[in-house]
Amino acid sequence: MPNQTPPRIVIVGGGFGGLAAAKHFRGKPVDVTLIDRTNHHVFQPLLYQVATAGLAPSDITVPIRWILRRETNVTVFLGDVAAVEPARRELRLADGGAPVAYDYLILAPGARHAYFGHDAWEPFAPGLKSLEDALEIRRRFLLAFERAERTDDAAERDALTTFVIVGGGPTGVELAGTMIEIVRRALPRDFRRVDTRKSRVILLERGPRLLPSFPESLSARARADLEALGVEVRTGAVVTDVNARGVRVGSEFIPSRAVFWAAGNMASPLAASLGAPLDDAGRVLVAPDLSVPGHPEIFVVGDLAAVRREDGSWVPGVAPAANQEGAHAARNLLRLLDGKPTRPYRYVNKGELTVIGRNRAVAVFGNLRFAGYAAWLLWLFVHIMYLVGFRNRAIVLVEWAYAYFTFQRGVRLITSSEG
């Protein structure tokens, strides 16, 4: 009816899943509110480039309000959602502000890094999930060389220039490959008392191989490429302690002042407030249509959703999956409003890409598997195309061209020396 109040739809999270859902409501007779704790969307696949001084934060971020400027039925709020109250159909905010009411809810708050019950390790081994994380890793990485330049203690210098990355998935592989290229090619002429080429980059993976989601042949290729660059790769390496002095792997202690965590994810604590079944990582075990069991008005997408595929495997927590899930949840919600049954979600695997270093990458697209220069070029193209906004695409392309021809990193800034 013309005078009927439009349904109130609230989306929590301005990442890939949340934005995909919000865009799907364009022109629909609904009132949408998107809430995020920051005012910007981060292109997470390139966070490691900020962490390794290749890109500036503004190169991979775009204001959420700008992205949704054409969605006139979408209102954006800056806020941190502390809990969901399904019985009241309200969201409780962390700052104690007035609860936000909803008729339908799409949760896409993302995830954080997990320390598998060892949260005390986090101050000594930052992860890489947010812009703040990336800047902290960049600070520690660059500050290590500044301190190494000043010390006269050879053992301390070695510890300062030993970089340990825990986790052999895509993030760990990309960090390790980039860091070894920086210390070998970009930094040597900048320091007088420390030879950055002697720095160690150690990649630890507790499983039997790197990139476990890739075919074994490409995992082996990634390891060979990393080792050719100079990375020390250790599989079957179980970390038993991390502290201010370094990392313990079994009975071995590796002195290091710069340890970085890329070993696992932990779902947003919002999941616990739903009263829904969760998996071991705290993700919501959603129904086939991405709704919460017992609450058809709530949908969960992205890193917070545990979605099982037809073959029994889990949908990976990657950007393409979040995009698909966000759009699918929005379509199902609109079907509910039209009095139609919802449809189950089917994940479409668009392939996997991981860059290892200059002219080195691995790629999987269906039955097609390849590595090397062709995979690297494809990685460049895909990431440029998926960046939001022409400005960001142009700037990133220029920065990458500069780094490729000069071996330099354009954003080597230490903005704080604390810690």
Protein backbone atom coordinates (compact mmCIF):
# COMPACT_ATOMS: atom_id res chain seq x y z
CA MET A 1 0.00 0.00 0.00
CA PRO A 2 1.29 3.55 -0.78
CA ASN A 3 1.14 4.68 2.88
CA GLN A 4 2.57 1.48 4.33
CA THR A 5 5.84 1.89 6.24
CA PRO A 6 8.64 0.18 4.27
CA PRO A 7 10.33 -2.80 5.94
CA ARG A 8 13.36 -1.87 8.04
CA ILE A 9 16.44 -3.79 6.89
CA VAL A 10 19.67 -3.42 8.84
CA ILE A 11 23.04 -4.57 7.49
CA VAL A 12 25.95 -4.89 9.91
CA GLY A 13 29.31 -4.53 8.19
CA GLY A 14 30.57 -2.53 5.22
CA GLY A 15 32.85 -5.21 3.83
CA PHE A 16 32.34 -7.19 0.64
CA GLY A 17 29.24 -9.05 1.84
CA GLY A 18 27.50 -6.07 3.42
CA LEU A 19 28.05 -3.80 0.42
CA ALA A 20 26.90 -6.47 -2.04
CA ALA A 21 23.67 -6.81 -0.07
CA ALA A 22 23.13 -3.04 0.20
CA LYS A 23 23.60 -2.50 -3.53
CA HIS A 24 21.03 -5.19 -4.31
CA PHE A 25 18.29 -3.15 -2.63
CA ARG A 26 18.68 -0.20 -5.02
CA GLY A 27 15.25 1.03 -6.08
CA LYS A 28 13.39 -1.46 -3.87
CA PRO A 29 10.60 -0.32 -1.50
CA VAL A 30 12.65 -0.94 1.63
CA ASP A 31 14.40 1.22 4.21
CA VAL A 32 18.00 0.03 4.61
CA THR A 33 20.49 1.01 7.31
CA LEU A 34 24.12 -0.11 7.07
CA ILE A 35 26.19 0.07 10.26
CA ASP A 36 29.98 -0.22 10.37
CA ARG A 37 32.53 0.60 13.04
CA THR A 38 34.59 2.54 10.47
CA ASN A 39 33.55 4.98 7.79
CA HIS A 40 35.45 3.18 5.02
CA HIS A 41 35.53 -0.05 3.06
CA VAL A 42 38.92 -1.81 2.97
CA PHE A 43 40.03 -3.93 0.03
CA GLN A 44 41.39 -6.67 2.28
CA PRO A 45 43.26 -8.70 -0.39
CA LEU A 46 45.78 -5.84 -0.60
CA LEU A 47 46.19 -5.18 3.12
CA TYR A 48 49.55 -6.91 3.01
CA GLN A 49 50.72 -4.27 0.52
CA VAL A 50 50.04 -1.57 3.11
CA ALA A 51 51.78 -3.71 5.75
CA THR A 52 54.90 -3.95 3.56
CA ALA A 53 55.02 -0.24 2.60
CA GLY A 54 53.96 -0.76 -1.00
CA LEU A 55 50.67 1.12 -0.81
CA ALA A 56 49.21 3.87 1.35
CA PRO A 57 46.06 3.18 3.38
CA SER A 58 44.06 5.54 1.16
CA ASP A 59 44.99 3.47 -1.91
CA ILE A 60 42.87 0.51 -0.80
CA THR A 61 40.08 2.26 1.10
CA VAL A 62 36.96 4.10 -0.02
CA PRO A 63 34.34 5.88 2.16
CA ILE A 64 31.28 3.68 2.53
CA ARG A 65 28.99 6.65 2.07
CA TRP A 66 30.62 7.38 -1.31
CA ILE A 67 30.20 3.78 -2.47
CA LEU A 68 26.49 3.86 -1.60
CA ARG A 69 25.81 7.43 -2.74
CA ARG A 70 23.45 6.22 -5.48
CA GLU A 71 21.53 3.91 -3.14
CA THR A 72 19.06 6.56 -2.01
CA ASN A 73 17.16 4.15 0.24
CA VAL A 74 20.32 3.25 2.20
CA THR A 75 21.40 5.19 5.30
CA VAL A 76 24.92 4.68 6.66
CA PHE A 77 25.64 4.82 10.41
CA LEU A 78 29.04 4.84 12.07
CA GLY A 79 28.74 2.54 15.06
CA ASP A 80 29.98 -0.62 16.74
CA VAL A 81 27.31 -3.27 17.23
CA ALA A 82 27.89 -5.09 20.53
CA ALA A 83 25.09 -7.65 20.40
CA VAL A 84 21.97 -8.81 18.59
CA GLU A 85 18.75 -9.28 20.54
CA PRO A 86 16.68 -11.52 18.22
CA ALA A 87 13.65 -11.67 20.53
CA ARG A 88 13.33 -7.88 20.48
CA ARG A 89 14.60 -7.50 16.90
CA GLU A 90 17.11 -4.91 18.07
CA LEU A 91 20.83 -4.27 17.92
CA ARG A 92 22.68 -3.08 20.99
CA LEU A 93 25.50 -0.61 20.35
CA ALA A 94 28.84 -0.62 22.15
CA ASP A 95 28.65 3.10 22.99
CA GLY A 96 25.38 2.67 24.86
CA GLY A 97 23.36 4.57 22.28
CA ALA A 98 19.73 3.89 21.52
CA PRO A 99 19.13 0.35 20.21
CA VAL A 100 18.64 0.00 16.46
CA ALA A 101 15.41 -1.79 15.56
CA TYR A 102 15.04 -3.99 12.49
CA ASP A 103 12.47 -6.09 10.70
CA TYR A 104 15.15 -8.01 8.80
CA LEU A 105 18.84 -8.29 9.52
CA ILE A 106 21.90 -9.18 7.45
CA LEU A 107 25.05 -9.79 9.50
CA ALA A 108 28.38 -9.34 7.71
CA PRO A 109 30.79 -8.10 10.40
CA GLY A 110 33.82 -10.09 9.21
CA ALA A 111 36.38 -11.84 11.40
CA ARG A 112 39.55 -11.34 13.39
CA HIS A 113 42.71 -13.38 13.65
CA ALA A 114 42.62 -16.31 16.08
CA TYR A 115 45.40 -17.42 18.42
CA PHE A 116 43.86 -20.80 19.23
CA GLY A 117 43.43 -20.12 22.91
CA HIS A 118 46.66 -18.14 23.29
CA ASP A 119 45.33 -14.58 23.23
CA ALA A 120 48.33 -13.46 25.31
CA TRP A 121 50.42 -13.81 22.13
CA GLU A 122 48.58 -11.04 20.28
CA PRO A 123 50.67 -8.09 21.59
CA PHE A 124 53.81 -9.83 20.32
CA ALA A 125 52.43 -11.12 17.00
CA PRO A 126 49.90 -8.80 15.34
CA GLY A 127 47.60 -10.24 12.70
CA LEU A 128 46.39 -8.70 9.46
CA LYS A 129 42.65 -8.12 9.26
CA SER A 130 42.23 -4.35 9.41
CA LEU A 131 43.92 -1.16 8.30
CA GLU A 132 45.19 -0.63 11.83
CA ASP A 133 46.75 -4.10 11.77
CA ALA A 134 48.52 -3.32 8.49
CA LEU A 135 49.95 -0.07 9.83
CA GLU A 136 51.17 -1.81 12.99
CA ILE A 137 52.94 -4.49 10.96
CA ARG A 138 54.51 -1.82 8.74
CA ARG A 139 55.67 0.08 11.83
CA ARG A 140 57.28 -2.97 13.42
CA PHE A 141 58.87 -4.11 10.18
CA LEU A 142 60.51 -0.77 9.39
CA LEU A 143 61.33 0.10 13.00
CA ALA A 144 63.31 -3.13 13.33
CA PHE A 145 65.92 -1.84 10.87
CA GLU A 146 66.11 1.56 12.56
CA ARG A 147 66.89 -0.13 15.87
CA ALA A 148 69.30 -2.56 14.24
CA GLU A 149 71.21 0.39 12.78
CA ARG A 150 71.78 1.81 16.25
CA THR A 151 72.72 -1.27 18.25
CA ASP A 152 76.26 -2.54 18.77
CA ASP A 153 75.05 -5.91 20.03
CA ALA A 154 75.41 -8.46 17.21
CA ALA A 155 72.92 -10.88 18.75
CA GLU A 156 70.34 -8.14 19.19
CA ARG A 157 70.90 -6.99 15.60
CA ASP A 158 70.27 -10.52 14.37
CA ALA A 159 67.07 -10.76 16.41
CA LEU A 160 65.89 -7.40 15.09
CA THR A 161 66.45 -8.46 11.49
CA THR A 162 64.80 -11.87 11.85
CA PHE A 163 61.17 -11.74 10.77
CA VAL A 164 58.91 -14.66 11.63
CA ILE A 165 55.53 -15.15 9.95
CA VAL A 166 53.22 -17.74 11.50
CA GLY A 167 50.80 -19.30 9.02
CA GLY A 168 51.37 -20.62 5.52
CA GLY A 169 48.10 -19.60 3.91
CA PRO A 170 47.79 -16.87 1.24
CA THR A 171 48.41 -14.02 3.71
CA GLY A 172 51.54 -15.61 5.17
CA VAL A 173 52.92 -16.49 1.74
CA GLU A 174 52.31 -12.98 0.38
CA LEU A 175 53.87 -11.32 3.43
CA ALA A 176 56.94 -13.56 3.34
CA GLY A 177 57.53 -13.14 -0.39
CA THR A 178 57.20 -9.37 -0.24
CA MET A 179 59.34 -8.92 2.87
CA ILE A 180 62.24 -10.95 1.51
CA GLU A 181 62.24 -8.88 -1.69
CA ILE A 182 62.28 -5.66 0.32
CA VAL A 183 65.22 -6.67 2.52
CA ARG A 184 67.21 -8.01 -0.43
CA ARG A 185 66.44 -5.37 -3.07
CA ALA A 186 64.88 -2.19 -1.64
CA LEU A 187 66.76 -1.48 1.62
CA PRO A 188 70.48 -2.36 1.26
CA ARG A 189 71.64 1.09 0.08
CA ASP A 190 69.67 2.92 2.78
CA PHE A 191 71.57 1.67 5.83
CA ARG A 192 75.24 1.96 6.75
CA ARG A 193 75.72 -0.25 9.81
CA VAL A 194 73.35 -3.10 9.04
CA ASP A 195 73.36 -5.28 5.93
CA THR A 196 69.65 -5.81 5.29
CA ARG A 197 70.47 -8.56 2.77
CA LYS A 198 71.43 -10.78 5.71
CA SER A 199 67.96 -10.47 7.23
CA ARG A 200 66.03 -13.68 7.75
CA VAL A 201 62.39 -14.17 6.81
CA ILE A 202 61.02 -17.37 8.35
CA LEU A 203 57.61 -18.76 7.39
CA LEU A 204 56.12 -21.28 9.82
CA GLU A 205 53.24 -23.59 8.88
CA ARG A 206 51.95 -26.23 11.26
CA GLY A 207 50.47 -28.34 8.44
CA PRO A 208 52.37 -30.51 5.95
CA ARG A 209 52.35 -27.90 3.16
CA LEU A 210 51.78 -24.26 2.29
CA LEU A 211 48.52 -23.02 0.74
CA PRO A 212 46.46 -26.04 1.82
CA SER A 213 43.45 -24.93 -0.27
CA PHE A 214 45.54 -25.17 -3.45
CA PRO A 215 46.49 -28.39 -5.29
CA GLU A 216 49.65 -30.03 -3.95
CA SER A 217 51.60 -29.23 -7.12
CA LEU A 218 51.01 -25.50 -6.68
CA SER A 219 51.75 -25.68 -2.96
CA ALA A 220 55.11 -27.23 -3.83
CA ARG A 221 55.70 -24.56 -6.48
CA ALA A 222 54.93 -21.79 -3.97
CA ARG A 223 57.40 -23.26 -1.50
CA ALA A 224 60.09 -23.61 -4.15
CA ASP A 225 59.58 -20.00 -5.27
CA LEU A 226 59.75 -18.67 -1.71
CA GLU A 227 62.91 -20.62 -0.97
CA ALA A 228 64.45 -19.40 -4.22
CA LEU A 229 63.82 -15.85 -3.02
CA GLY A 230 65.51 -16.63 0.31
CA VAL A 231 62.59 -17.34 2.65
CA GLU A 232 63.16 -20.08 5.21
CA VAL A 233 60.03 -22.24 4.96
CA ARG A 234 59.23 -24.71 7.74
CA THR A 235 56.21 -27.00 7.56
CA GLY A 236 55.07 -29.18 10.43
CA ALA A 237 56.20 -26.31 12.67
CA VAL A 238 53.92 -25.98 15.69
CA VAL A 239 54.34 -22.72 17.60
CA THR A 240 54.23 -23.31 21.35
CA ASP A 241 55.04 -19.81 22.62
CA VAL A 242 55.37 -16.23 21.44
CA ASN A 243 56.82 -13.48 23.61
CA ALA A 244 58.72 -10.23 23.39
CA ARG A 245 61.97 -12.06 22.71
CA GLY A 246 60.80 -14.35 19.90
CA VAL A 247 59.01 -17.58 18.98
CA ARG A 248 59.30 -21.13 20.30
CA VAL A 249 58.71 -23.95 17.83
CA GLY A 250 58.82 -27.23 19.70
CA SER A 251 62.09 -27.19 21.63
CA GLU A 252 63.68 -24.54 19.39
CA PHE A 253 63.57 -20.85 20.26
CA ILE A 254 63.90 -18.34 17.41
CA PRO A 255 64.99 -14.89 18.64
CA SER A 256 62.94 -12.25 16.83
CA ARG A 257 61.59 -8.80 17.61
CA ALA A 258 59.10 -8.86 14.72
CA VAL A 259 56.64 -11.76 14.67
CA PHE A 260 53.55 -11.57 12.47
CA TRP A 261 50.45 -13.76 12.72
CA ALA A 262 48.65 -15.22 9.69
CA ALA A 263 47.55 -18.54 11.13
CA GLY A 264 43.78 -18.45 11.56
CA ASN A 265 40.51 -16.58 11.84
CA MET A 266 38.01 -16.09 14.63
CA ALA A 267 34.43 -15.04 13.94
CA SER A 268 32.97 -11.82 15.31
CA PRO A 269 31.62 -12.15 18.87
CA LEU A 270 28.23 -11.04 17.51
CA ALA A 271 27.62 -14.68 16.59
CA ALA A 272 27.43 -15.69 20.25
CA SER A 273 24.55 -13.26 20.90
CA LEU A 274 22.32 -14.97 18.33
CA GLY A 275 21.85 -18.14 20.36
CA ALA A 276 22.44 -20.10 17.15
CA PRO A 277 24.62 -23.19 16.61
CA LEU A 278 28.26 -22.29 16.00
CA ASP A 279 31.27 -24.16 14.64
CA ASP A 280 34.68 -24.40 16.33
CA ALA A 281 35.73 -21.02 14.86
CA GLY A 282 32.64 -19.29 16.27
CA ARG A 283 30.89 -19.04 12.90
CA VAL A 284 27.12 -19.42 12.59
CA LEU A 285 26.02 -22.75 11.11
CA VAL A 286 23.52 -21.16 8.74
CA ALA A 287 20.62 -22.83 6.95
CA PRO A 288 21.00 -23.52 3.22
CA ASP A 289 19.41 -20.16 2.38
CA LEU A 290 21.96 -18.36 4.65
CA SER A 291 19.38 -17.63 7.36
CA VAL A 292 19.87 -18.36 11.05
CA PRO A 293 18.05 -21.55 12.10
CA GLY A 294 14.89 -20.53 13.94
CA HIS A 295 15.18 -16.92 12.75
CA PRO A 296 14.23 -16.62 9.08
CA GLU A 297 14.43 -12.83 9.36
CA ILE A 298 18.19 -12.93 10.07
CA PHE A 299 20.78 -13.76 7.41
CA VAL A 300 24.51 -14.24 7.99
CA VAL A 301 27.14 -13.84 5.25
CA GLY A 302 30.88 -13.61 4.80
CA ASP A 303 33.39 -14.67 7.45
CA LEU A 304 30.68 -15.02 10.10
CA ALA A 305 28.81 -17.72 8.14
CA ALA A 306 29.72 -21.40 8.09
CA VAL A 307 28.26 -22.53 4.77
CA ARG A 308 28.51 -26.12 3.65
CA ARG A 309 28.76 -26.97 -0.04
CA GLU A 310 26.98 -29.85 -1.76
CA ASP A 311 30.13 -31.99 -1.57
CA GLY A 312 30.31 -31.54 2.19
CA SER A 313 33.22 -29.06 2.17
CA TRP A 314 32.96 -25.54 3.55
CA VAL A 315 32.68 -22.40 1.46
CA PRO A 316 36.01 -20.54 1.87
CA GLY A 317 36.17 -17.21 3.63
CA VAL A 318 37.24 -15.20 0.58
CA ALA A 319 36.00 -11.96 -0.98
CA PRO A 320 34.19 -13.56 -3.97
CA ALA A 321 32.23 -15.83 -1.61
CA ALA A 322 31.26 -12.87 0.59
CA ASN A 323 30.07 -10.94 -2.48
CA GLN A 324 27.95 -13.86 -3.63
CA GLU A 325 26.51 -14.50 -0.18
CA GLY A 326 25.61 -10.85 0.38
CA ALA A 327 23.73 -10.62 -2.91
CA HIS A 328 22.03 -13.98 -2.32
CA ALA A 329 20.87 -13.00 1.17
CA ALA A 330 19.40 -9.78 -0.24
CA ARG A 331 17.57 -11.71 -2.96
CA ASN A 332 16.16 -14.14 -0.41
CA LEU A 333 15.04 -11.30 1.81
CA LEU A 334 13.18 -9.71 -1.08
CA ARG A 335 11.56 -13.07 -1.80
CA LEU A 336 10.33 -13.19 1.78
CA LEU A 337 8.80 -9.74 1.35
CA ASP A 338 7.04 -10.98 -1.79
CA GLY A 339 5.69 -14.01 0.05
CA LYS A 340 7.90 -16.42 -1.91
CA PRO A 341 10.06 -19.24 -0.53
CA THR A 342 13.77 -18.58 -0.18
CA ARG A 343 16.34 -20.42 -2.27
CA PRO A 344 19.46 -22.29 -1.13
CA TYR A 345 22.82 -20.68 -1.77
CA ARG A 346 25.21 -22.29 -4.26
CA TYR A 347 28.82 -21.15 -4.17
CA VAL A 348 30.42 -20.43 -7.54
CA ASN A 349 34.18 -20.86 -7.29
CA LYS A 350 35.77 -18.16 -9.44
CA GLY A 351 39.26 -19.46 -8.81
CA GLU A 352 42.12 -18.75 -6.42
CA LEU A 353 45.17 -16.57 -6.84
CA THR A 354 48.14 -16.00 -4.56
CA VAL A 355 51.13 -13.83 -5.39
CA ILE A 356 54.56 -14.93 -4.15
CA GLY A 357 56.84 -12.22 -5.45
CA ARG A 358 57.98 -10.43 -8.57
CA ASN A 359 56.81 -12.42 -11.60
CA ARG A 360 55.76 -15.27 -9.30
CA ALA A 361 52.24 -16.38 -8.41
CA VAL A 362 50.03 -19.47 -8.41
CA ALA A 363 46.51 -19.71 -9.82
CA VAL A 364 43.65 -22.21 -9.94
CA PHE A 365 40.58 -21.81 -12.16
CA GLY A 366 38.52 -24.99 -12.25
CA ASN A 367 40.75 -27.66 -13.77
CA LEU A 368 43.21 -25.05 -15.00
CA ARG A 369 46.32 -24.71 -12.83
CA PHE A 370 49.31 -22.54 -13.63
CA ALA A 371 52.10 -20.59 -11.99
CA GLY A 372 54.83 -18.09 -12.74
CA TYR A 373 54.69 -14.95 -14.86
CA ALA A 374 51.27 -15.61 -16.42
CA ALA A 375 49.69 -16.16 -13.00
CA TRP A 376 51.39 -13.00 -11.72
CA LEU A 377 50.00 -10.90 -14.59
CA LEU A 378 46.54 -12.31 -13.97
CA TRP A 379 46.85 -11.50 -10.27
CA LEU A 380 47.71 -7.89 -11.12
CA PHE A 381 44.77 -7.55 -13.50
CA VAL A 382 42.19 -9.11 -11.16
CA HIS A 383 43.19 -7.00 -8.16
CA ILE A 384 43.24 -3.77 -10.14
CA MET A 385 39.78 -4.49 -11.58
CA TYR A 386 38.23 -5.37 -8.22
CA LEU A 387 39.47 -2.22 -6.48
CA VAL A 388 36.67 0.27 -5.86
CA GLY A 389 37.05 3.58 -7.67
CA PHE A 390 39.07 4.77 -10.66
CA ARG A 391 41.36 6.86 -8.46
CA ASN A 392 42.47 3.84 -6.45
CA ARG A 393 43.01 1.75 -9.57
CA ALA A 394 45.15 4.44 -11.17
CA ILE A 395 47.25 5.10 -8.06
CA VAL A 396 47.85 1.42 -7.33
CA LEU A 397 48.87 0.81 -10.93
CA VAL A 398 51.41 3.66 -10.74
CA GLU A 399 52.75 2.48 -7.36
CA TRP A 400 53.18 -1.07 -8.63
CA ALA A 401 54.93 0.13 -11.79
CA TYR A 402 57.28 2.26 -9.67
CA ALA A 403 58.08 -0.68 -7.40
CA TYR A 404 58.58 -3.04 -10.34
CA PHE A 405 61.11 -0.88 -12.16
CA THR A 406 62.93 0.59 -9.15
CA PHE A 407 62.58 -2.16 -6.49
CA GLN A 408 61.58 0.62 -4.07
CA ARG A 409 58.57 0.87 -1.78
CA GLY A 410 56.78 4.19 -1.95
CA VAL A 411 55.25 4.38 1.54
CA ARG A 412 58.05 3.60 3.98
CA LEU A 413 56.70 5.74 6.80
CA ILE A 414 57.03 5.08 10.52
CA THR A 415 54.29 7.14 12.12
CA SER A 416 54.89 5.96 15.69
CA SER A 417 57.84 4.48 17.55
CA GLU A 418 55.85 3.20 20.52
CA GLY A 419 56.11 -0.45 21.50
